[in-house]
PDB file of N, CA and C in Angstrom:
ATOM      1  N   MET A   1       1.101  -1.180  -0.515  1.00  0.00           N
ATOM      2  CA  MET A   1       0.505  -0.057  -0.309  1.00  0.00           C
ATOM      3  C   MET A   1       1.230   1.240   0.358  1.00  0.00           C
ATOM      4  N   THR A   2       0.502   2.030  -0.838  1.00  0.00           N
ATOM      5  CA  THR A   2       1.908   3.115  -1.123  1.00  0.00           C
ATOM      6  C   THR A   2       0.634   4.071  -0.234  1.00  0.00           C
ATOM      7  N   ILE A   3       1.562   5.677  -0.152  1.00  0.00           N
ATOM      8  CA  ILE A   3       0.536   6.768   1.216  1.00  0.00           C
ATOM      9  C   ILE A   3       1.008   7.939  -0.433  1.00  0.00           C
ATOM     10  N   SER A   4      -0.241   8.281  -0.319  1.00  0.00           N
ATOM     11  CA  SER A   4       0.288   9.805  -1.614  1.00  0.00           C
ATOM     12  C   SER A   4       0.909  10.656  -0.393  1.00  0.00           C
ATOM     13  N   VAL A   5       1.107  12.079  -1.457  1.00  0.00           N
ATOM     14  CA  VAL A   5       1.684  12.751  -0.953  1.00  0.00           C
ATOM     15  C   VAL A   5       0.833  13.243  -0.146  1.00  0.00           C
ATOM     16  N   PHE A   6      -0.423  13.619  -0.257  1.00  0.00           N
ATOM     17  CA  PHE A   6      -1.228  14.147   0.874  1.00  0.00           C
ATOM     18  C   PHE A   6      -1.690  13.882   1.780  1.00  0.00           C
ATOM     19  N   ASP A   7      -1.804  12.348   1.889  1.00  0.00           N
ATOM     20  CA  ASP A   7      -1.924  11.656   3.170  1.00  0.00           C
ATOM     21  C   ASP A   7      -0.951  11.916   4.497  1.00  0.00           C
ATOM     22  N   ILE A   8       0.047  12.363   3.603  1.00  0.00           N
ATOM     23  CA  ILE A   8       2.024  12.488   4.798  1.00  0.00           C
ATOM     24  C   ILE A   8       1.900  13.855   4.631  1.00  0.00           C
ATOM     25  N   LEU A   9       1.835  14.849   4.339  1.00  0.00           N
ATOM     26  CA  LEU A   9       2.068  16.022   4.781  1.00  0.00           C
ATOM     27  C   LEU A   9      -0.064  16.622   4.485  1.00  0.00           C
ATOM     28  N   ARG A  10      -0.096  17.333   5.803  1.00  0.00           N
ATOM     29  CA  ARG A  10      -0.924  17.618   6.341  1.00  0.00           C
ATOM     30  C   ARG A  10      -1.403  19.120   5.760  1.00  0.00           C
ATOM     31  N   ARG A  11      -0.929  19.812   6.446  1.00  0.00           N
ATOM     32  CA  ARG A  11      -1.041  21.069   5.340  1.00  0.00           C
ATOM     33  C   ARG A  11       0.570  21.933   6.339  1.00  0.00           C
ATOM     34  N   PRO A  12       0.853  23.595   5.299  1.00  0.00           N
ATOM     35  CA  PRO A  12       1.766  23.910   6.386  1.00  0.00           C
ATOM     36  C   PRO A  12       1.391  24.774   7.070  1.00  0.00           C
ATOM     37  N   VAL A  13       2.132  24.702   7.920  1.00  0.00           N
ATOM     38  CA  VAL A  13       1.881  26.089   9.562  1.00  0.00           C
ATOM     39  C   VAL A  13       2.509  27.063   8.834  1.00  0.00           C
ATOM     40  N   VAL A  14       1.963  28.163   8.680  1.00  0.00           N
ATOM     41  CA  VAL A  14       1.932  29.847   8.824  1.00  0.00           C
ATOM     42  C   VAL A  14       1.404  30.653   9.905  1.00  0.00           C
ATOM     43  N   THR A  15       3.047  30.843  10.679  1.00  0.00           N
ATOM     44  CA  THR A  15       2.794  31.513  11.958  1.00  0.00           C
ATOM     45  C   THR A  15       4.042  32.354  12.070  1.00  0.00           C
ATOM     46  N   GLU A  16       4.595  33.103  12.929  1.00  0.00           N
ATOM     47  CA  GLU A  16       5.631  34.192  12.466  1.00  0.00           C
ATOM     48  C   GLU A  16       6.526  34.031  12.888  1.00  0.00           C
ATOM     49  N   LYS A  17       6.831  32.902  13.424  1.00  0.00           N
ATOM     50  CA  LYS A  17       8.340  31.800  14.126  1.00  0.00           C
ATOM     51  C   LYS A  17       8.632  30.952  12.385  1.00  0.00           C
ATOM     52  N   SER A  18       7.576  29.962  11.797  1.00  0.00           N
ATOM     53  CA  SER A  18       7.943  29.293  11.065  1.00  0.00           C
ATOM     54  C   SER A  18       8.130  30.238   9.448  1.00  0.00           C
ATOM     55  N   ASN A  19       7.666  31.404   9.637  1.00  0.00           N
ATOM     56  CA  ASN A  19       7.887  32.513   8.651  1.00  0.00           C
ATOM     57  C   ASN A  19       9.422  32.850   9.132  1.00  0.00           C
ATOM     58  N   TYR A  20      10.023  33.683   9.842  1.00  0.00           N
ATOM     59  CA  TYR A  20      11.238  33.586  10.836  1.00  0.00           C
ATOM     60  C   TYR A  20      11.679  32.821   9.880  1.00  0.00           C
ATOM     61  N   LEU A  21      11.329  30.943  10.322  1.00  0.00           N
ATOM     62  CA  LEU A  21      12.352  30.031   9.597  1.00  0.00           C
ATOM     63  C   LEU A  21      13.394  29.866   8.427  1.00  0.00           C
ATOM     64  N   ALA A  22      11.925  30.323   7.469  1.00  0.00           N
ATOM     65  CA  ALA A  22      11.532  30.479   6.444  1.00  0.00           C
ATOM     66  C   ALA A  22      12.044  31.300   5.358  1.00  0.00           C
ATOM     67  N   THR A  23      12.667  32.470   6.547  1.00  0.00           N
ATOM     68  CA  THR A  23      13.391  33.420   5.579  1.00  0.00           C
ATOM     69  C   THR A  23      14.611  33.535   6.042  1.00  0.00           C
ATOM     70  N   LYS A  24      15.269  33.115   6.950  1.00  0.00           N
ATOM     71  CA  LYS A  24      16.214  33.487   7.688  1.00  0.00           C
ATOM     72  C   LYS A  24      17.141  31.654   7.902  1.00  0.00           C
ATOM     73  N   LEU A  25      16.608  30.810   7.807  1.00  0.00           N
ATOM     74  CA  LEU A  25      17.096  29.475   8.103  1.00  0.00           C
ATOM     75  C   LEU A  25      16.760  28.121   7.585  1.00  0.00           C
ATOM     76  N   ASN A  26      15.964  28.954   6.299  1.00  0.00           N
ATOM     77  CA  ASN A  26      15.583  27.899   5.296  1.00  0.00           C
ATOM     78  C   ASN A  26      14.805  27.015   5.460  1.00  0.00           C
ATOM     79  N   GLN A  27      14.023  26.551   6.511  1.00  0.00           N
ATOM     80  CA  GLN A  27      13.639  25.788   7.316  1.00  0.00           C
ATOM     81  C   GLN A  27      12.171  25.914   6.766  1.00  0.00           C
ATOM     82  N   TYR A  28      11.345  24.614   7.006  1.00  0.00           N
ATOM     83  CA  TYR A  28       9.474  25.429   6.595  1.00  0.00           C
ATOM     84  C   TYR A  28       9.217  24.075   7.417  1.00  0.00           C
ATOM     85  N   VAL A  29       8.070  24.133   7.617  1.00  0.00           N
ATOM     86  CA  VAL A  29       7.266  23.351   9.203  1.00  0.00           C
ATOM     87  C   VAL A  29       5.691  23.383   8.378  1.00  0.00           C
ATOM     88  N   PHE A  30       6.074  22.111   8.424  1.00  0.00           N
ATOM     89  CA  PHE A  30       4.439  21.140   7.937  1.00  0.00           C
ATOM     90  C   PHE A  30       3.446  19.812   9.077  1.00  0.00           C
ATOM     91  N   GLU A  31       2.788  20.601   9.070  1.00  0.00           N
ATOM     92  CA  GLU A  31       1.777  19.502   9.936  1.00  0.00           C
ATOM     93  C   GLU A  31       1.755  18.179   9.137  1.00  0.00           C
ATOM     94  N   VAL A  32       2.693  16.974   9.699  1.00  0.00           N
ATOM     95  CA  VAL A  32       2.230  16.291   8.799  1.00  0.00           C
ATOM     96  C   VAL A  32       1.125  14.293   9.226  1.00  0.00           C
ATOM     97  N   ASN A  33       1.358  13.108   9.060  1.00  0.00           N
ATOM     98  CA  ASN A  33       0.444  12.654   9.876  1.00  0.00           C
ATOM     99  C   ASN A  33       0.808  11.847  10.894  1.00  0.00           C
ATOM    100  N   SER A  34       0.469  11.801  11.931  1.00  0.00           N
ATOM    101  CA  SER A  34       0.751  10.681  12.909  1.00  0.00           C
ATOM    102  C   SER A  34       1.515   9.877  12.741  1.00  0.00           C
ATOM    103  N   ASP A  35       1.308   8.995  11.351  1.00  0.00           N
ATOM    104  CA  ASP A  35       2.444   7.675  11.874  1.00  0.00           C
ATOM    105  C   ASP A  35       3.294   7.806  10.522  1.00  0.00           C
ATOM    106  N   VAL A  36       3.858   8.431  10.016  1.00  0.00           N
ATOM    107  CA  VAL A  36       4.830   8.875   9.429  1.00  0.00           C
ATOM    108  C   VAL A  36       6.338   9.421   9.715  1.00  0.00           C
ATOM    109  N   THR A  37       7.186   8.812   8.813  1.00  0.00           N
ATOM    110  CA  THR A  37       8.654   8.633   9.590  1.00  0.00           C
ATOM    111  C   THR A  37       9.247   9.864   8.883  1.00  0.00           C
ATOM    112  N   ARG A  38      10.544  10.211   9.846  1.00  0.00           N
ATOM    113  CA  ARG A  38      11.149  11.087   8.830  1.00  0.00           C
ATOM    114  C   ARG A  38      11.643  10.890   7.051  1.00  0.00           C
ATOM    115  N   GLU A  39      11.984   9.612   7.241  1.00  0.00           N
ATOM    116  CA  GLU A  39      12.248   9.409   5.345  1.00  0.00           C
ATOM    117  C   GLU A  39      11.081   9.970   4.686  1.00  0.00           C
ATOM    118  N   GLN A  40       9.817   9.176   5.166  1.00  0.00           N
ATOM    119  CA  GLN A  40       8.409   9.528   4.621  1.00  0.00           C
ATOM    120  C   GLN A  40       7.940  11.310   4.005  1.00  0.00           C
ATOM    121  N   VAL A  41       8.254  11.895   5.456  1.00  0.00           N
ATOM    122  CA  VAL A  41       8.488  13.446   4.923  1.00  0.00           C
ATOM    123  C   VAL A  41       9.627  13.727   4.261  1.00  0.00           C
ATOM    124  N   LYS A  42      10.620  13.622   4.354  1.00  0.00           N
ATOM    125  CA  LYS A  42      11.872  13.664   3.149  1.00  0.00           C
ATOM    126  C   LYS A  42      11.308  13.519   1.809  1.00  0.00           C
ATOM    127  N   THR A  43      11.055  12.196   1.521  1.00  0.00           N
ATOM    128  CA  THR A  43      10.484  11.573  -0.144  1.00  0.00           C
ATOM    129  C   THR A  43       9.507  13.072  -0.550  1.00  0.00           C
ATOM    130  N   ALA A  44       8.307  12.938   0.296  1.00  0.00           N
ATOM    131  CA  ALA A  44       7.118  13.431   0.075  1.00  0.00           C
ATOM    132  C   ALA A  44       7.172  14.932   0.258  1.00  0.00           C
ATOM    133  N   VAL A  45       8.348  15.710   0.870  1.00  0.00           N
ATOM    134  CA  VAL A  45       8.376  17.185   0.629  1.00  0.00           C
ATOM    135  C   VAL A  45       9.475  17.257  -1.113  1.00  0.00           C
ATOM    136  N   GLU A  46      10.493  16.665  -0.858  1.00  0.00           N
ATOM    137  CA  GLU A  46      11.475  16.073  -1.809  1.00  0.00           C
ATOM    138  C   GLU A  46      10.251  16.482  -3.859  1.00  0.00           C
ATOM    139  N   THR A  47       9.324  14.988  -3.529  1.00  0.00           N
ATOM    140  CA  THR A  47       8.159  15.214  -5.104  1.00  0.00           C
ATOM    141  C   THR A  47       7.349  15.704  -4.981  1.00  0.00           C
ATOM    142  N   ALA A  48       6.918  16.145  -3.991  1.00  0.00           N
ATOM    143  CA  ALA A  48       5.510  17.483  -4.069  1.00  0.00           C
ATOM    144  C   ALA A  48       5.993  18.814  -4.825  1.00  0.00           C
ATOM    145  N   PHE A  49       7.390  19.361  -3.640  1.00  0.00           N
ATOM    146  CA  PHE A  49       8.214  20.636  -4.342  1.00  0.00           C
ATOM    147  C   PHE A  49       8.982  21.110  -5.064  1.00  0.00           C
ATOM    148  N   ASP A  50       9.530  19.373  -5.272  1.00  0.00           N
ATOM    149  CA  ASP A  50      10.676  19.550  -6.604  1.00  0.00           C
ATOM    150  C   ASP A  50      12.355  20.304  -6.036  1.00  0.00           C
ATOM    151  N   VAL A  51      12.439  20.092  -4.342  1.00  0.00           N
ATOM    152  CA  VAL A  51      13.519  20.560  -3.864  1.00  0.00           C
ATOM    153  C   VAL A  51      14.240  19.472  -3.194  1.00  0.00           C
ATOM    154  N   ASP A  52      15.711  19.577  -2.660  1.00  0.00           N
ATOM    155  CA  ASP A  52      16.429  18.538  -1.504  1.00  0.00           C
ATOM    156  C   ASP A  52      16.342  19.300  -0.314  1.00  0.00           C
ATOM    157  N   VAL A  53      15.973  18.323   0.388  1.00  0.00           N
ATOM    158  CA  VAL A  53      15.845  18.245   1.550  1.00  0.00           C
ATOM    159  C   VAL A  53      16.985  17.801   2.794  1.00  0.00           C
ATOM    160  N   VAL A  54      17.887  18.474   3.406  1.00  0.00           N
ATOM    161  CA  VAL A  54      18.486  18.772   4.084  1.00  0.00           C
ATOM    162  C   VAL A  54      18.895  17.578   5.222  1.00  0.00           C
ATOM    163  N   ARG A  55      17.542  18.367   6.158  1.00  0.00           N
ATOM    164  CA  ARG A  55      17.696  17.260   7.477  1.00  0.00           C
ATOM    165  C   ARG A  55      15.654  17.631   7.492  1.00  0.00           C
ATOM    166  N   VAL A  56      15.351  16.626   8.453  1.00  0.00           N
ATOM    167  CA  VAL A  56      14.210  16.255   9.554  1.00  0.00           C
ATOM    168  C   VAL A  56      13.924  16.353  10.284  1.00  0.00           C
ATOM    169  N   ASN A  57      13.373  17.362  11.206  1.00  0.00           N
ATOM    170  CA  ASN A  57      12.829  17.514  12.599  1.00  0.00           C
ATOM    171  C   ASN A  57      11.076  17.218  12.963  1.00  0.00           C
ATOM    172  N   ILE A  58      11.192  15.913  13.795  1.00  0.00           N
ATOM    173  CA  ILE A  58       9.376  15.582  13.819  1.00  0.00           C
ATOM    174  C   ILE A  58       9.351  15.466  15.253  1.00  0.00           C
ATOM    175  N   ILE A  59       8.394  16.953  15.832  1.00  0.00           N
ATOM    176  CA  ILE A  59       7.759  17.217  17.029  1.00  0.00           C
ATOM    177  C   ILE A  59       5.915  16.664  17.249  1.00  0.00           C
ATOM    178  N   ASN A  60       6.176  16.328  18.110  1.00  0.00           N
ATOM    179  CA  ASN A  60       4.945  15.577  18.611  1.00  0.00           C
ATOM    180  C   ASN A  60       4.393  16.541  19.753  1.00  0.00           C
ATOM    181  N   LEU A  61       3.705  17.035  19.128  1.00  0.00           N
ATOM    182  CA  LEU A  61       2.257  17.915  20.164  1.00  0.00           C
ATOM    183  C   LEU A  61       1.664  17.881  20.602  1.00  0.00           C
ATOM    184  N   PRO A  62       1.144  17.703  22.555  1.00  0.00           N
ATOM    185  CA  PRO A  62      -0.170  17.112  22.989  1.00  0.00           C
ATOM    186  C   PRO A  62      -1.053  17.731  22.636  1.00  0.00           C
ATOM    187  N   ALA A  63      -1.836  17.286  23.067  1.00  0.00           N
ATOM    188  CA  ALA A  63      -3.391  17.815  23.405  1.00  0.00           C
ATOM    189  C   ALA A  63      -3.123  18.672  24.206  1.00  0.00           C
ATOM    190  N   LYS A  64      -4.487  19.856  23.930  1.00  0.00           N
ATOM    191  CA  LYS A  64      -4.929  20.747  25.009  1.00  0.00           C
ATOM    192  C   LYS A  64      -5.838  20.510  25.782  1.00  0.00           C
ATOM    193  N   ALA A  65      -5.697  20.408  26.846  1.00  0.00           N
ATOM    194  CA  ALA A  65      -6.822  20.959  27.582  1.00  0.00           C
ATOM    195  C   ALA A  65      -6.403  22.504  28.434  1.00  0.00           C
ATOM    196  N   HIS A  66      -8.212  21.858  28.623  1.00  0.00           N
ATOM    197  CA  HIS A  66      -8.670  23.588  28.736  1.00  0.00           C
ATOM    198  C   HIS A  66     -10.102  22.950  29.730  1.00  0.00           C
ATOM    199  N   ARG A  67     -10.153  23.880  31.058  1.00  0.00           N
ATOM    200  CA  ARG A  67     -11.078  24.129  31.691  1.00  0.00           C
ATOM    201  C   ARG A  67     -12.360  24.395  31.586  1.00  0.00           C
ATOM    202  N   ASN A  68     -13.481  23.642  31.323  1.00  0.00           N
ATOM    203  CA  ASN A  68     -14.907  23.921  31.844  1.00  0.00           C
ATOM    204  C   ASN A  68     -15.137  25.000  33.680  1.00  0.00           C
ATOM    205  N   SER A  69     -15.435  26.157  33.271  1.00  0.00           N
ATOM    206  CA  SER A  69     -15.980  27.112  33.784  1.00  0.00           C
ATOM    207  C   SER A  69     -16.999  26.722  34.878  1.00  0.00           C
ATOM    208  N   ARG A  70     -17.733  26.184  34.352  1.00  0.00           N
ATOM    209  CA  ARG A  70     -19.411  25.990  34.951  1.00  0.00           C
ATOM    210  C   ARG A  70     -19.014  24.370  35.849  1.00  0.00           C
ATOM    211  N   SER A  71     -18.363  23.661  35.340  1.00  0.00           N
ATOM    212  CA  SER A  71     -18.009  22.260  35.831  1.00  0.00           C
ATOM    213  C   SER A  71     -16.961  21.962  37.374  1.00  0.00           C
ATOM    214  N   ARG A  72     -15.849  22.930  36.062  1.00  0.00           N
ATOM    215  CA  ARG A  72     -14.443  22.822  36.940  1.00  0.00           C
ATOM    216  C   ARG A  72     -13.855  21.481  36.305  1.00  0.00           C
ATOM    217  N   SER A  73     -14.246  20.634  35.304  1.00  0.00           N
ATOM    218  CA  SER A  73     -14.049  19.402  34.965  1.00  0.00           C
ATOM    219  C   SER A  73     -13.133  20.157  33.552  1.00  0.00           C
ATOM    220  N   LEU A  74     -12.213  19.808  33.258  1.00  0.00           N
ATOM    221  CA  LEU A  74     -10.966  19.476  31.946  1.00  0.00           C
ATOM    222  C   LEU A  74     -11.858  18.651  30.713  1.00  0.00           C
ATOM    223  N   VAL A  75     -12.306  19.640  30.026  1.00  0.00           N
ATOM    224  CA  VAL A  75     -12.443  19.294  28.522  1.00  0.00           C
ATOM    225  C   VAL A  75     -10.855  19.012  27.616  1.00  0.00           C
ATOM    226  N   LEU A  76     -11.043  18.656  27.260  1.00  0.00           N
ATOM    227  CA  LEU A  76      -9.613  18.402  25.696  1.00  0.00           C
ATOM    228  C   LEU A  76     -10.784  19.347  24.417  1.00  0.00           C
ATOM    229  N   ARG A  77     -10.153  20.477  24.228  1.00  0.00           N
ATOM    230  CA  ARG A  77     -11.086  21.096  22.695  1.00  0.00           C
ATOM    231  C   ARG A  77     -10.216  21.023  21.919  1.00  0.00           C
ATOM    232  N   SER A  78      -8.946  20.530  22.067  1.00  0.00           N
ATOM    233  CA  SER A  78      -7.988  20.298  20.386  1.00  0.00           C
ATOM    234  C   SER A  78      -7.539  19.136  20.752  1.00  0.00           C
ATOM    235  N   SER A  79      -7.054  18.467  19.507  1.00  0.00           N
ATOM    236  CA  SER A  79      -6.300  17.056  19.804  1.00  0.00           C
ATOM    237  C   SER A  79      -4.798  17.841  19.735  1.00  0.00           C
ATOM    238  N   GLY A  80      -3.793  16.426  19.460  1.00  0.00           N
ATOM    239  CA  GLY A  80      -2.697  16.917  19.130  1.00  0.00           C
ATOM    240  C   GLY A  80      -2.311  15.681  18.065  1.00  0.00           C
ATOM    241  N   TYR A  81      -1.221  16.978  17.567  1.00  0.00           N
ATOM    242  CA  TYR A  81      -0.597  16.675  15.857  1.00  0.00           C
ATOM    243  C   TYR A  81       0.759  16.352  15.778  1.00  0.00           C
ATOM    244  N   LYS A  82       1.221  15.644  14.724  1.00  0.00           N
ATOM    245  CA  LYS A  82       2.824  15.848  15.092  1.00  0.00           C
ATOM    246  C   LYS A  82       3.620  17.203  13.265  1.00  0.00           C
ATOM    247  N   LYS A  83       4.144  17.793  14.333  1.00  0.00           N
ATOM    248  CA  LYS A  83       4.402  18.301  13.048  1.00  0.00           C
ATOM    249  C   LYS A  83       5.764  18.230  12.658  1.00  0.00           C
ATOM    250  N   ALA A  84       6.760  18.853  11.736  1.00  0.00           N
ATOM    251  CA  ALA A  84       7.839  18.412  10.912  1.00  0.00           C
ATOM    252  C   ALA A  84       8.554  19.787  10.308  1.00  0.00           C
ATOM    253  N   ILE A  85       9.776  19.805  10.673  1.00  0.00           N
ATOM    254  CA  ILE A  85      10.605  21.209  10.185  1.00  0.00           C
ATOM    255  C   ILE A  85      11.439  20.867   9.410  1.00  0.00           C
ATOM    256  N   VAL A  86      11.347  20.798   7.878  1.00  0.00           N
ATOM    257  CA  VAL A  86      12.615  20.752   7.170  1.00  0.00           C
ATOM    258  C   VAL A  86      13.332  21.387   6.884  1.00  0.00           C
ATOM    259  N   THR A  87      14.296  21.113   6.346  1.00  0.00           N
ATOM    260  CA  THR A  87      15.182  22.461   6.656  1.00  0.00           C
ATOM    261  C   THR A  87      15.951  22.239   4.625  1.00  0.00           C
ATOM    262  N   LEU A  88      16.111  22.881   4.213  1.00  0.00           N
ATOM    263  CA  LEU A  88      16.324  22.780   2.635  1.00  0.00           C
ATOM    264  C   LEU A  88      17.408  22.939   2.485  1.00  0.00           C
ATOM    265  N   LYS A  89      18.264  22.383   1.006  1.00  0.00           N
ATOM    266  CA  LYS A  89      19.304  23.046   0.535  1.00  0.00           C
ATOM    267  C   LYS A  89      19.301  24.644   0.309  1.00  0.00           C
ATOM    268  N   GLN A  90      20.700  25.120  -0.034  1.00  0.00           N
ATOM    269  CA  GLN A  90      20.824  26.526   0.401  1.00  0.00           C
ATOM    270  C   GLN A  90      20.252  26.825  -0.866  1.00  0.00           C
ATOM    271  N   GLY A  91      19.561  27.830  -1.525  1.00  0.00           N
ATOM    272  CA  GLY A  91      18.466  28.325  -2.744  1.00  0.00           C
ATOM    273  C   GLY A  91      17.425  27.671  -3.440  1.00  0.00           C
ATOM    274  N   ASP A  92      17.255  26.305  -2.239  1.00  0.00           N
ATOM    275  CA  ASP A  92      15.904  25.701  -2.339  1.00  0.00           C
ATOM    276  C   ASP A  92      15.027  27.015  -1.484  1.00  0.00           C
ATOM    277  N   SER A  93      14.080  26.777  -2.537  1.00  0.00           N
ATOM    278  CA  SER A  93      12.457  27.520  -1.503  1.00  0.00           C
ATOM    279  C   SER A  93      10.784  27.244  -1.835  1.00  0.00           C
ATOM    280  N   ILE A  94      10.349  26.589  -1.376  1.00  0.00           N
ATOM    281  CA  ILE A  94       8.865  26.339  -1.244  1.00  0.00           C
ATOM    282  C   ILE A  94       8.216  27.916  -1.778  1.00  0.00           C
ATOM    283  N   PRO A  95       7.382  27.602  -2.722  1.00  0.00           N
ATOM    284  CA  PRO A  95       6.366  29.119  -3.149  1.00  0.00           C
ATOM    285  C   PRO A  95       5.684  28.706  -2.545  1.00  0.00           C
ATOM    286  N   VAL A  96       4.552  27.832  -1.675  1.00  0.00           N
ATOM    287  CA  VAL A  96       3.463  28.288  -1.182  1.00  0.00           C
ATOM    288  C   VAL A  96       3.761  29.281   0.421  1.00  0.00           C
ATOM    289  N   PHE A  97       4.874  29.381   0.818  1.00  0.00           N
ATOM    290  CA  PHE A  97       5.347  30.162   1.424  1.00  0.00           C
ATOM    291  C   PHE A  97       5.723  31.303   1.881  1.00  0.00           C
ATOM    292  N   GLU A  98       6.417  31.290   0.128  1.00  0.00           N
ATOM    293  CA  GLU A  98       6.336  32.923  -0.625  1.00  0.00           C
ATOM    294  C   GLU A  98       5.725  34.222  -0.374  1.00  0.00           C
ATOM    295  N   GLY A  99       5.719  35.296   0.019  1.00  0.00           N
ATOM    296  CA  GLY A  99       4.847  36.961   0.147  1.00  0.00           C
ATOM    297  C   GLY A  99       3.795  36.328   1.787  1.00  0.00           C
ATOM    298  N   VAL A 100       4.463  35.845   2.424  1.00  0.00           N
ATOM    299  CA  VAL A 100       3.223  35.950   3.441  1.00  0.00           C
ATOM    300  C   VAL A 100       4.473  36.410   4.275  1.00  0.00           C
ATOM    301  N   GLU A 101       3.515  37.278   5.079  1.00  0.00           N
ATOM    302  CA  GLU A 101       4.049  38.322   6.058  1.00  0.00           C
ATOM    303  C   GLU A 101       3.995  38.462   7.218  1.00  0.00           C
TER     304      GLU A 101
END
């Protein structure tokens, strides 16, 4: 069974920090499927955007718990996800992040 690129890379993460990483350090941040490995992320980014990937760092972010003010019980409102920070070869860029400031 083959996994498509769109099953691996869910969406780009566009924040102030990811914009800084893209402009200064040539690193791009993606939300990825929770079952993928570094090699799968690397091949997915290389095939989708036609760039050379130098390194992939993966971070598992836990779910955030929020309190309900009425019943004082913990209510989980956001689920956890996996984030991949992809470092590209010098001179390569991904056009999805261009022009976002």
